[in-house]
Amino acid sequence: MSKKYERRVSELIRIHVAELIERELNDPRVRATQVTVTDVEVTPDARHAKVFYSLIGDQTTKTEVARGLESAAGWVSRELGKRLHLSLIH
């Protein structure tokens, strides 16, 4: 897969994850603060992605938000699967 495709997929995932967190995630630990999705790294086969984010707040708040995001990871992954239909060439 080309680097250009990886970058496009990464940006698409970043946009959708940010939207999901902002508009649809119902965890009060996450809704209480500002989460910014800063970057997404996609594996060359585009099957896995690592999402990086930053938080505003004190350490206690950051810890709670991180727990909320970890708890929601499966839901976010499923929602991304519903929204994104990527054509992977092997």
PDB file of N, CA and C in Angstrom:
ATOM      1  N   MET A   1       0.837  -1.163   0.000  1.00  0.00           N
ATOM      2  CA  MET A   1       0.000   0.000   0.000  1.00  0.00           C
ATOM      3  C   MET A   1       0.890   1.236   0.000  1.00  0.00           C
ATOM      4  N   SER A   2       0.496   2.242  -0.731  1.00  0.00           N
ATOM      5  CA  SER A   2       1.321   3.437  -0.847  1.00  0.00           C
ATOM      6  C   SER A   2       1.215   4.303   0.408  1.00  0.00           C
ATOM      7  N   LYS A   3       2.250   5.090   0.627  1.00  0.00           N
ATOM      8  CA  LYS A   3       2.265   6.009   1.767  1.00  0.00           C
ATOM      9  C   LYS A   3       1.153   7.042   1.648  1.00  0.00           C
ATOM     10  N   LYS A   4       0.862   7.445   0.431  1.00  0.00           N
ATOM     11  CA  LYS A   4      -0.208   8.415   0.215  1.00  0.00           C
ATOM     12  C   LYS A   4      -1.544   7.844   0.688  1.00  0.00           C
ATOM     13  N   TYR A   5      -1.809   6.587   0.374  1.00  0.00           N
ATOM     14  CA  TYR A   5      -3.043   5.930   0.811  1.00  0.00           C
ATOM     15  C   TYR A   5      -3.075   5.821   2.331  1.00  0.00           C
ATOM     16  N   GLU A   6      -1.948   5.463   2.939  1.00  0.00           N
ATOM     17  CA  GLU A   6      -1.875   5.375   4.401  1.00  0.00           C
ATOM     18  C   GLU A   6      -2.200   6.717   5.039  1.00  0.00           C
ATOM     19  N   ARG A   7      -1.656   7.794   4.483  1.00  0.00           N
ATOM     20  CA  ARG A   7      -1.923   9.128   5.021  1.00  0.00           C
ATOM     21  C   ARG A   7      -3.397   9.492   4.894  1.00  0.00           C
ATOM     22  N   ARG A   8      -3.987   9.166   3.758  1.00  0.00           N
ATOM     23  CA  ARG A   8      -5.409   9.470   3.548  1.00  0.00           C
ATOM     24  C   ARG A   8      -6.287   8.681   4.508  1.00  0.00           C
ATOM     25  N   VAL A   9      -5.970   7.409   4.699  1.00  0.00           N
ATOM     26  CA  VAL A   9      -6.737   6.572   5.626  1.00  0.00           C
ATOM     27  C   VAL A   9      -6.552   7.083   7.055  1.00  0.00           C
ATOM     28  N   SER A  10      -5.332   7.444   7.421  1.00  0.00           N
ATOM     29  CA  SER A  10      -5.069   7.977   8.762  1.00  0.00           C
ATOM     30  C   SER A  10      -5.883   9.232   9.025  1.00  0.00           C
ATOM     31  N   GLU A  11      -5.910  10.133   8.071  1.00  0.00           N
ATOM     32  CA  GLU A  11      -6.663  11.379   8.231  1.00  0.00           C
ATOM     33  C   GLU A  11      -8.161  11.103   8.321  1.00  0.00           C
ATOM     34  N   LEU A  12      -8.651  10.189   7.514  1.00  0.00           N
ATOM     35  CA  LEU A  12     -10.065   9.826   7.554  1.00  0.00           C
ATOM     36  C   LEU A  12     -10.436   9.235   8.913  1.00  0.00           C
ATOM     37  N   ILE A  13      -9.602   8.359   9.439  1.00  0.00           N
ATOM     38  CA  ILE A  13      -9.854   7.773  10.760  1.00  0.00           C
ATOM     39  C   ILE A  13      -9.800   8.848  11.828  1.00  0.00           C
ATOM     40  N   ARG A  14      -8.825   9.756  11.750  1.00  0.00           N
ATOM     41  CA  ARG A  14      -8.701  10.827  12.746  1.00  0.00           C
ATOM     42  C   ARG A  14      -9.972  11.674  12.790  1.00  0.00           C
ATOM     43  N   ILE A  15     -10.478  12.031  11.635  1.00  0.00           N
ATOM     44  CA  ILE A  15     -11.691  12.856  11.567  1.00  0.00           C
ATOM     45  C   ILE A  15     -12.880  12.123  12.182  1.00  0.00           C
ATOM     46  N   HIS A  16     -13.065  10.866  11.822  1.00  0.00           N
ATOM     47  CA  HIS A  16     -14.216  10.107  12.317  1.00  0.00           C
ATOM     48  C   HIS A  16     -14.114   9.812  13.812  1.00  0.00           C
ATOM     49  N   VAL A  17     -12.923   9.485  14.304  1.00  0.00           N
ATOM     50  CA  VAL A  17     -12.768   9.232  15.745  1.00  0.00           C
ATOM     51  C   VAL A  17     -13.070  10.498  16.528  1.00  0.00           C
ATOM     52  N   ALA A  18     -12.562  11.630  16.076  1.00  0.00           N
ATOM     53  CA  ALA A  18     -12.832  12.890  16.759  1.00  0.00           C
ATOM     54  C   ALA A  18     -14.330  13.190  16.789  1.00  0.00           C
ATOM     55  N   GLU A  19     -14.995  12.949  15.690  1.00  0.00           N
ATOM     56  CA  GLU A  19     -16.438  13.179  15.627  1.00  0.00           C
ATOM     57  C   GLU A  19     -17.198  12.234  16.552  1.00  0.00           C
ATOM     58  N   LEU A  20     -16.804  10.972  16.570  1.00  0.00           N
ATOM     59  CA  LEU A  20     -17.458  10.004  17.454  1.00  0.00           C
ATOM     60  C   LEU A  20     -17.300  10.398  18.918  1.00  0.00           C
ATOM     61  N   ILE A  21     -16.097  10.788  19.296  1.00  0.00           N
ATOM     62  CA  ILE A  21     -15.852  11.177  20.693  1.00  0.00           C
ATOM     63  C   ILE A  21     -16.656  12.420  21.045  1.00  0.00           C
ATOM     64  N   GLU A  22     -16.663  13.380  20.155  1.00  0.00           N
ATOM     65  CA  GLU A  22     -17.323  14.656  20.434  1.00  0.00           C
ATOM     66  C   GLU A  22     -18.840  14.547  20.448  1.00  0.00           C
ATOM     67  N   ARG A  23     -19.402  13.802  19.499  1.00  0.00           N
ATOM     68  CA  ARG A  23     -20.853  13.852  19.312  1.00  0.00           C
ATOM     69  C   ARG A  23     -21.628  12.638  19.807  1.00  0.00           C
ATOM     70  N   GLU A  24     -20.990  11.469  19.855  1.00  0.00           N
ATOM     71  CA  GLU A  24     -21.773  10.270  20.111  1.00  0.00           C
ATOM     72  C   GLU A  24     -21.365   9.477  21.343  1.00  0.00           C
ATOM     73  N   LEU A  25     -20.189   9.696  21.861  1.00  0.00           N
ATOM     74  CA  LEU A  25     -19.738   8.941  23.026  1.00  0.00           C
ATOM     75  C   LEU A  25     -20.480   9.437  24.261  1.00  0.00           C
ATOM     76  N   ASN A  26     -21.104   8.524  24.991  1.00  0.00           N
ATOM     77  CA  ASN A  26     -21.947   8.897  26.119  1.00  0.00           C
ATOM     78  C   ASN A  26     -21.289   8.695  27.474  1.00  0.00           C
ATOM     79  N   ASP A  27     -20.001   8.442  27.506  1.00  0.00           N
ATOM     80  CA  ASP A  27     -19.300   8.239  28.772  1.00  0.00           C
ATOM     81  C   ASP A  27     -19.082   9.599  29.438  1.00  0.00           C
ATOM     82  N   PRO A  28     -19.631   9.811  30.645  1.00  0.00           N
ATOM     83  CA  PRO A  28     -19.488  11.119  31.304  1.00  0.00           C
ATOM     84  C   PRO A  28     -18.032  11.467  31.638  1.00  0.00           C
ATOM     85  N   ARG A  29     -17.175  10.463  31.771  1.00  0.00           N
ATOM     86  CA  ARG A  29     -15.758  10.750  32.040  1.00  0.00           C
ATOM     87  C   ARG A  29     -15.121  11.463  30.857  1.00  0.00           C
ATOM     88  N   VAL A  30     -15.554  11.127  29.667  1.00  0.00           N
ATOM     89  CA  VAL A  30     -14.978  11.717  28.463  1.00  0.00           C
ATOM     90  C   VAL A  30     -15.692  13.010  28.097  1.00  0.00           C
ATOM     91  N   ARG A  31     -16.982  13.089  28.313  1.00  0.00           N
ATOM     92  CA  ARG A  31     -17.759  14.272  27.954  1.00  0.00           C
ATOM     93  C   ARG A  31     -17.394  15.474  28.820  1.00  0.00           C
ATOM     94  N   ALA A  32     -16.787  15.236  29.961  1.00  0.00           N
ATOM     95  CA  ALA A  32     -16.495  16.318  30.905  1.00  0.00           C
ATOM     96  C   ALA A  32     -15.281  17.147  30.512  1.00  0.00           C
ATOM     97  N   THR A  33     -14.546  16.743  29.516  1.00  0.00           N
ATOM     98  CA  THR A  33     -13.317  17.456  29.178  1.00  0.00           C
ATOM     99  C   THR A  33     -13.135  17.552  27.668  1.00  0.00           C
ATOM    100  N   GLN A  34     -12.130  18.275  27.278  1.00  0.00           N
ATOM    101  CA  GLN A  34     -11.813  18.446  25.862  1.00  0.00           C
ATOM    102  C   GLN A  34     -10.769  17.414  25.444  1.00  0.00           C
ATOM    103  N   VAL A  35     -11.116  16.568  24.493  1.00  0.00           N
ATOM    104  CA  VAL A  35     -10.199  15.581  23.937  1.00  0.00           C
ATOM    105  C   VAL A  35      -9.889  15.995  22.503  1.00  0.00           C
ATOM    106  N   THR A  36      -8.606  16.050  22.166  1.00  0.00           N
ATOM    107  CA  THR A  36      -8.192  16.376  20.811  1.00  0.00           C
ATOM    108  C   THR A  36      -7.459  15.174  20.224  1.00  0.00           C
ATOM    109  N   VAL A  37      -7.974  14.649  19.132  1.00  0.00           N
ATOM    110  CA  VAL A  37      -7.308  13.556  18.431  1.00  0.00           C
ATOM    111  C   VAL A  37      -6.205  14.194  17.590  1.00  0.00           C
ATOM    112  N   THR A  38      -4.954  13.893  17.942  1.00  0.00           N
ATOM    113  CA  THR A  38      -3.830  14.577  17.319  1.00  0.00           C
ATOM    114  C   THR A  38      -3.247  13.848  16.119  1.00  0.00           C
ATOM    115  N   ASP A  39      -3.273  12.512  16.136  1.00  0.00           N
ATOM    116  CA  ASP A  39      -2.643  11.765  15.058  1.00  0.00           C
ATOM    117  C   ASP A  39      -3.175  10.338  15.036  1.00  0.00           C
ATOM    118  N   VAL A  40      -3.044   9.695  13.902  1.00  0.00           N
ATOM    119  CA  VAL A  40      -3.395   8.282  13.743  1.00  0.00           C
ATOM    120  C   VAL A  40      -2.300   7.633  12.917  1.00  0.00           C
ATOM    121  N   GLU A  41      -1.771   6.529  13.422  1.00  0.00           N
ATOM    122  CA  GLU A  41      -0.796   5.734  12.673  1.00  0.00           C
ATOM    123  C   GLU A  41      -1.477   4.451  12.219  1.00  0.00           C
ATOM    124  N   VAL A  42      -1.423   4.204  10.931  1.00  0.00           N
ATOM    125  CA  VAL A  42      -2.059   3.032  10.339  1.00  0.00           C
ATOM    126  C   VAL A  42      -0.978   2.061   9.899  1.00  0.00           C
ATOM    127  N   THR A  43      -1.200   0.773  10.133  1.00  0.00           N
ATOM    128  CA  THR A  43      -0.260  -0.237   9.657  1.00  0.00           C
ATOM    129  C   THR A  43      -0.306  -0.267   8.126  1.00  0.00           C
ATOM    130  N   PRO A  44       0.749  -0.767   7.483  1.00  0.00           N
ATOM    131  CA  PRO A  44       0.778  -0.781   6.015  1.00  0.00           C
ATOM    132  C   PRO A  44      -0.402  -1.502   5.364  1.00  0.00           C
ATOM    133  N   ASP A  45      -0.981  -2.491   6.053  1.00  0.00           N
ATOM    134  CA  ASP A  45      -2.143  -3.179   5.482  1.00  0.00           C
ATOM    135  C   ASP A  45      -3.467  -2.517   5.867  1.00  0.00           C
ATOM    136  N   ALA A  46      -3.417  -1.435   6.644  1.00  0.00           N
ATOM    137  CA  ALA A  46      -4.584  -0.644   7.071  1.00  0.00           C
ATOM    138  C   ALA A  46      -5.572  -1.442   7.912  1.00  0.00           C
ATOM    139  N   ARG A  47      -5.101  -2.489   8.542  1.00  0.00           N
ATOM    140  CA  ARG A  47      -5.986  -3.282   9.394  1.00  0.00           C
ATOM    141  C   ARG A  47      -5.972  -2.824  10.847  1.00  0.00           C
ATOM    142  N   HIS A  48      -4.926  -2.130  11.235  1.00  0.00           N
ATOM    143  CA  HIS A  48      -4.816  -1.658  12.609  1.00  0.00           C
ATOM    144  C   HIS A  48      -4.400  -0.193  12.600  1.00  0.00           C
ATOM    145  N   ALA A  49      -4.899   0.522  13.605  1.00  0.00           N
ATOM    146  CA  ALA A  49      -4.547   1.934  13.716  1.00  0.00           C
ATOM    147  C   ALA A  49      -4.315   2.272  15.181  1.00  0.00           C
ATOM    148  N   LYS A  50      -3.358   3.125  15.416  1.00  0.00           N
ATOM    149  CA  LYS A  50      -3.084   3.623  16.754  1.00  0.00           C
ATOM    150  C   LYS A  50      -3.475   5.094  16.763  1.00  0.00           C
ATOM    151  N   VAL A  51      -4.363   5.458  17.696  1.00  0.00           N
ATOM    152  CA  VAL A  51      -4.882   6.818  17.774  1.00  0.00           C
ATOM    153  C   VAL A  51      -4.188   7.540  18.918  1.00  0.00           C
ATOM    154  N   PHE A  52      -3.685   8.731  18.632  1.00  0.00           N
ATOM    155  CA  PHE A  52      -3.032   9.567  19.638  1.00  0.00           C
ATOM    156  C   PHE A  52      -3.939  10.749  19.944  1.00  0.00           C
ATOM    157  N   TYR A  53      -3.989  11.126  21.210  1.00  0.00           N
ATOM    158  CA  TYR A  53      -4.855  12.224  21.615  1.00  0.00           C
ATOM    159  C   TYR A  53      -4.182  13.042  22.705  1.00  0.00           C
ATOM    160  N   SER A  54      -4.700  14.258  22.896  1.00  0.00           N
ATOM    161  CA  SER A  54      -4.220  15.100  23.996  1.00  0.00           C
ATOM    162  C   SER A  54      -5.432  15.561  24.801  1.00  0.00           C
ATOM    163  N   LEU A  55      -5.179  15.867  26.060  1.00  0.00           N
ATOM    164  CA  LEU A  55      -6.240  16.251  26.985  1.00  0.00           C
ATOM    165  C   LEU A  55      -5.880  17.539  27.706  1.00  0.00           C
ATOM    166  N   ILE A  56      -6.903  18.270  28.090  1.00  0.00           N
ATOM    167  CA  ILE A  56      -6.713  19.458  28.901  1.00  0.00           C
ATOM    168  C   ILE A  56      -7.275  19.142  30.284  1.00  0.00           C
ATOM    169  N   GLY A  57      -6.505  19.457  31.313  1.00  0.00           N
ATOM    170  CA  GLY A  57      -6.989  19.244  32.670  1.00  0.00           C
ATOM    171  C   GLY A  57      -5.872  18.778  33.589  1.00  0.00           C
ATOM    172  N   ASP A  58      -6.233  18.578  34.856  1.00  0.00           N
ATOM    173  CA  ASP A  58      -5.250  18.099  35.824  1.00  0.00           C
ATOM    174  C   ASP A  58      -5.043  16.596  35.661  1.00  0.00           C
ATOM    175  N   GLN A  59      -4.099  16.054  36.387  1.00  0.00           N
ATOM    176  CA  GLN A  59      -3.726  14.643  36.220  1.00  0.00           C
ATOM    177  C   GLN A  59      -4.880  13.699  36.545  1.00  0.00           C
ATOM    178  N   THR A  60      -5.673  14.009  37.553  1.00  0.00           N
ATOM    179  CA  THR A  60      -6.814  13.162  37.914  1.00  0.00           C
ATOM    180  C   THR A  60      -7.819  13.111  36.771  1.00  0.00           C
ATOM    181  N   THR A  61      -8.103  14.266  36.198  1.00  0.00           N
ATOM    182  CA  THR A  61      -9.033  14.329  35.076  1.00  0.00           C
ATOM    183  C   THR A  61      -8.495  13.548  33.889  1.00  0.00           C
ATOM    184  N   LYS A  62      -7.217  13.718  33.599  1.00  0.00           N
ATOM    185  CA  LYS A  62      -6.604  13.009  32.470  1.00  0.00           C
ATOM    186  C   LYS A  62      -6.681  11.503  32.655  1.00  0.00           C
ATOM    187  N   THR A  63      -6.458  11.036  33.883  1.00  0.00           N
ATOM    188  CA  THR A  63      -6.529   9.603  34.170  1.00  0.00           C
ATOM    189  C   THR A  63      -7.941   9.073  33.949  1.00  0.00           C
ATOM    190  N   GLU A  64      -8.939   9.806  34.428  1.00  0.00           N
ATOM    191  CA  GLU A  64     -10.332   9.382  34.257  1.00  0.00           C
ATOM    192  C   GLU A  64     -10.736   9.367  32.784  1.00  0.00           C
ATOM    193  N   VAL A  65     -10.339  10.388  32.053  1.00  0.00           N
ATOM    194  CA  VAL A  65     -10.671  10.446  30.627  1.00  0.00           C
ATOM    195  C   VAL A  65      -9.987   9.300  29.884  1.00  0.00           C
ATOM    196  N   ALA A  66      -8.734   9.020  30.216  1.00  0.00           N
ATOM    197  CA  ALA A  66      -8.022   7.910  29.575  1.00  0.00           C
ATOM    198  C   ALA A  66      -8.740   6.592  29.841  1.00  0.00           C
ATOM    199  N   ARG A  67      -9.217   6.396  31.046  1.00  0.00           N
ATOM    200  CA  ARG A  67      -9.986   5.176  31.363  1.00  0.00           C
ATOM    201  C   ARG A  67     -11.268   5.114  30.546  1.00  0.00           C
ATOM    202  N   GLY A  68     -11.941   6.239  30.424  1.00  0.00           N
ATOM    203  CA  GLY A  68     -13.164   6.287  29.627  1.00  0.00           C
ATOM    204  C   GLY A  68     -12.907   5.970  28.167  1.00  0.00           C
ATOM    205  N   LEU A  69     -11.816   6.514  27.622  1.00  0.00           N
ATOM    206  CA  LEU A  69     -11.478   6.242  26.226  1.00  0.00           C
ATOM    207  C   LEU A  69     -11.078   4.786  26.020  1.00  0.00           C
ATOM    208  N   GLU A  70     -10.336   4.222  26.957  1.00  0.00           N
ATOM    209  CA  GLU A  70      -9.974   2.802  26.863  1.00  0.00           C
ATOM    210  C   GLU A  70     -11.222   1.933  26.915  1.00  0.00           C
ATOM    211  N   SER A  71     -12.159   2.304  27.767  1.00  0.00           N
ATOM    212  CA  SER A  71     -13.404   1.558  27.889  1.00  0.00           C
ATOM    213  C   SER A  71     -14.225   1.627  26.601  1.00  0.00           C
ATOM    214  N   ALA A  72     -14.157   2.748  25.909  1.00  0.00           N
ATOM    215  CA  ALA A  72     -14.946   2.957  24.696  1.00  0.00           C
ATOM    216  C   ALA A  72     -14.246   2.488  23.431  1.00  0.00           C
ATOM    217  N   ALA A  73     -13.039   1.983  23.528  1.00  0.00           N
ATOM    218  CA  ALA A  73     -12.249   1.624  22.342  1.00  0.00           C
ATOM    219  C   ALA A  73     -12.968   0.620  21.445  1.00  0.00           C
ATOM    220  N   GLY A  74     -13.582  -0.380  22.013  1.00  0.00           N
ATOM    221  CA  GLY A  74     -14.301  -1.378  21.214  1.00  0.00           C
ATOM    222  C   GLY A  74     -15.472  -0.765  20.474  1.00  0.00           C
ATOM    223  N   TRP A  75     -16.220   0.084  21.160  1.00  0.00           N
ATOM    224  CA  TRP A  75     -17.358   0.757  20.540  1.00  0.00           C
ATOM    225  C   TRP A  75     -16.889   1.653  19.393  1.00  0.00           C
ATOM    226  N   VAL A  76     -15.824   2.424  19.638  1.00  0.00           N
ATOM    227  CA  VAL A  76     -15.286   3.309  18.595  1.00  0.00           C
ATOM    228  C   VAL A  76     -14.847   2.483  17.389  1.00  0.00           C
ATOM    229  N   SER A  77     -14.193   1.367  17.633  1.00  0.00           N
ATOM    230  CA  SER A  77     -13.739   0.505  16.551  1.00  0.00           C
ATOM    231  C   SER A  77     -14.920  -0.014  15.725  1.00  0.00           C
ATOM    232  N   ARG A  78     -15.966  -0.461  16.390  1.00  0.00           N
ATOM    233  CA  ARG A  78     -17.160  -0.952  15.678  1.00  0.00           C
ATOM    234  C   ARG A  78     -17.817   0.163  14.869  1.00  0.00           C
ATOM    235  N   GLU A  79     -17.931   1.344  15.468  1.00  0.00           N
ATOM    236  CA  GLU A  79     -18.548   2.463  14.757  1.00  0.00           C
ATOM    237  C   GLU A  79     -17.729   2.866  13.537  1.00  0.00           C
ATOM    238  N   LEU A  80     -16.400   2.834  13.671  1.00  0.00           N
ATOM    239  CA  LEU A  80     -15.543   3.121  12.517  1.00  0.00           C
ATOM    240  C   LEU A  80     -15.773   2.107  11.408  1.00  0.00           C
ATOM    241  N   GLY A  81     -15.905   0.851  11.792  1.00  0.00           N
ATOM    242  CA  GLY A  81     -16.157  -0.197  10.811  1.00  0.00           C
ATOM    243  C   GLY A  81     -17.453   0.029  10.058  1.00  0.00           C
ATOM    244  N   LYS A  82     -18.473   0.552  10.748  1.00  0.00           N
ATOM    245  CA  LYS A  82     -19.750   0.845  10.099  1.00  0.00           C
ATOM    246  C   LYS A  82     -19.632   2.030   9.145  1.00  0.00           C
ATOM    247  N   ARG A  83     -18.807   3.008   9.514  1.00  0.00           N
ATOM    248  CA  ARG A  83     -18.697   4.242   8.724  1.00  0.00           C
ATOM    249  C   ARG A  83     -17.725   4.130   7.555  1.00  0.00           C
ATOM    250  N   LEU A  84     -16.649   3.403   7.739  1.00  0.00           N
ATOM    251  CA  LEU A  84     -15.599   3.353   6.730  1.00  0.00           C
ATOM    252  C   LEU A  84     -15.671   2.050   5.956  1.00  0.00           C
ATOM    253  N   HIS A  85     -15.631   2.151   4.678  1.00  0.00           N
ATOM    254  CA  HIS A  85     -15.591   0.970   3.807  1.00  0.00           C
ATOM    255  C   HIS A  85     -14.360   1.123   2.927  1.00  0.00           C
ATOM    256  N   LEU A  86     -13.264   0.574   3.405  1.00  0.00           N
ATOM    257  CA  LEU A  86     -11.996   0.736   2.707  1.00  0.00           C
ATOM    258  C   LEU A  86     -11.762  -0.435   1.753  1.00  0.00           C
ATOM    259  N   SER A  87     -11.253  -0.125   0.600  1.00  0.00           N
ATOM    260  CA  SER A  87     -10.879  -1.160  -0.351  1.00  0.00           C
ATOM    261  C   SER A  87      -9.401  -1.448  -0.165  1.00  0.00           C
ATOM    262  N   LEU A  88      -9.098  -2.615   0.333  1.00  0.00           N
ATOM    263  CA  LEU A  88      -7.715  -2.987   0.568  1.00  0.00           C
ATOM    264  C   LEU A  88      -7.236  -3.877  -0.570  1.00  0.00           C
ATOM    265  N   ILE A  89      -6.137  -3.478  -1.177  1.00  0.00           N
ATOM    266  CA  ILE A  89      -5.573  -4.236  -2.284  1.00  0.00           C
ATOM    267  C   ILE A  89      -4.420  -5.080  -1.762  1.00  0.00           C
ATOM    268  N   HIS A  90      -4.473  -6.363  -2.027  1.00  0.00           N
ATOM    269  CA  HIS A  90      -3.397  -7.268  -1.545  1.00  0.00           C
ATOM    270  C   HIS A  90      -2.608  -7.791  -2.716  1.00  0.00           C
TER     271      HIS A  90
END
